[in-house]
């Protein structure tokens, strides 16, 4: 679910918007599937990122692509580049 690609040194992640209550900011949850080292079972690892959304166009449960950028605030280091295709 979390597709990672490298584009000119900037990481891109795919995630789901879990909050859009802030102005020009969305909270995106990225889910990775990682194999547990002992039990050999795949486990979901979740992490949330605050991303810049200039036009406030993304809402709850939208799938978006975020790209790494320079620090925009104390906790915001990602920018929404667009909507991801729904599988």
Protein backbone atom coordinates (compact mmCIF):
# COMPACT_ATOMS: atom_id res chain seq x y z
CA UNK A 1 0.00 0.00 0.00
CA UNK A 2 2.93 2.32 0.49
CA UNK A 3 4.68 2.59 -2.84
CA UNK A 4 8.07 4.24 -2.49
CA UNK A 5 9.86 5.76 -5.47
CA UNK A 6 12.89 8.00 -5.64
CA UNK A 7 12.68 11.11 -7.82
CA UNK A 8 15.73 13.40 -7.77
CA UNK A 9 16.51 12.48 -4.17
CA UNK A 10 12.96 13.14 -2.91
CA UNK A 11 10.95 10.22 -1.55
CA UNK A 12 7.34 9.75 -2.63
CA UNK A 13 4.83 7.83 -0.53
CA UNK A 14 1.20 6.83 -1.08
CA UNK A 15 -1.19 7.11 1.84
CA UNK A 16 -4.67 7.96 3.05
CA UNK A 17 -5.82 11.31 4.43
CA UNK A 18 -6.89 10.84 8.06
CA UNK A 19 -7.38 14.52 8.95
CA UNK A 20 -7.94 17.70 6.98
CA UNK A 21 -9.05 20.04 9.76
CA UNK A 22 -6.00 22.30 9.58
CA UNK A 23 -5.65 25.10 7.05
CA UNK A 24 -3.45 24.10 4.07
CA UNK A 25 -2.37 20.91 5.87
CA UNK A 26 -3.51 17.29 5.73
CA UNK A 27 -2.43 14.37 7.88
CA UNK A 28 -1.58 11.35 5.73
CA UNK A 29 -1.30 7.82 7.12
CA UNK A 30 1.12 5.54 5.27
CA UNK A 31 0.81 1.78 5.86
CA UNK A 32 3.77 -0.54 5.21
CA UNK A 33 3.67 -4.34 5.33
CA UNK A 34 6.72 -5.73 7.10
CA UNK A 35 7.55 -9.34 7.90
CA UNK A 36 7.94 -10.00 11.62
CA UNK A 37 11.49 -11.24 12.25
CA UNK A 38 10.55 -14.10 14.57
CA UNK A 39 7.03 -15.16 13.59
CA UNK A 40 7.42 -14.67 9.79
CA UNK A 41 3.99 -13.08 9.59
CA UNK A 42 3.32 -9.84 7.75
CA UNK A 43 2.43 -6.97 10.07
CA UNK A 44 1.07 -3.54 9.14
CA UNK A 45 3.24 -0.63 10.27
CA UNK A 46 1.55 2.78 10.23
CA UNK A 47 3.06 6.24 10.29
CA UNK A 48 1.43 9.64 9.91
CA UNK A 49 2.91 12.57 8.05
CA UNK A 50 1.74 16.18 7.93
CA UNK A 51 1.71 17.34 4.32
CA UNK A 52 1.16 20.73 2.69
CA UNK A 53 -2.11 21.04 0.72
CA UNK A 54 -2.07 24.52 -0.82
CA UNK A 55 -5.69 24.65 -2.03
CA UNK A 56 -7.36 22.53 0.70
CA UNK A 57 -8.60 20.17 -2.01
CA UNK A 58 -8.13 16.79 -0.29
CA UNK A 59 -10.60 15.44 2.24
CA UNK A 60 -10.91 12.52 4.63
CA UNK A 61 -10.16 9.04 3.16
CA UNK A 62 -8.66 10.35 -0.11
CA UNK A 63 -5.64 8.40 -1.37
CA UNK A 64 -2.82 10.84 -2.11
CA UNK A 65 0.82 10.88 -3.15
CA UNK A 66 3.14 12.93 -0.93
CA UNK A 67 6.70 14.04 -1.75
CA UNK A 68 9.50 15.01 0.60
CA UNK A 69 10.37 18.72 0.66
CA UNK A 70 12.16 21.35 2.68
CA UNK A 71 10.77 22.08 6.16
CA UNK A 72 7.59 24.16 5.86
CA UNK A 73 6.87 24.34 9.59
CA UNK A 74 7.97 22.62 12.78
CA UNK A 75 6.35 19.30 11.82
CA UNK A 76 5.54 19.66 8.11
CA UNK A 77 8.15 18.28 5.68
CA UNK A 78 5.95 16.78 2.93
CA UNK A 79 3.90 18.19 0.04
CA UNK A 80 0.84 16.58 -1.56
CA UNK A 81 1.63 16.06 -5.26
CA UNK A 82 -1.73 14.62 -6.33
CA UNK A 83 -4.35 11.97 -5.90
CA UNK A 84 -3.36 8.31 -6.21
CA UNK A 85 -5.31 5.92 -8.37
CA UNK A 86 -7.72 3.76 -6.40
CA UNK A 87 -6.99 0.05 -6.65
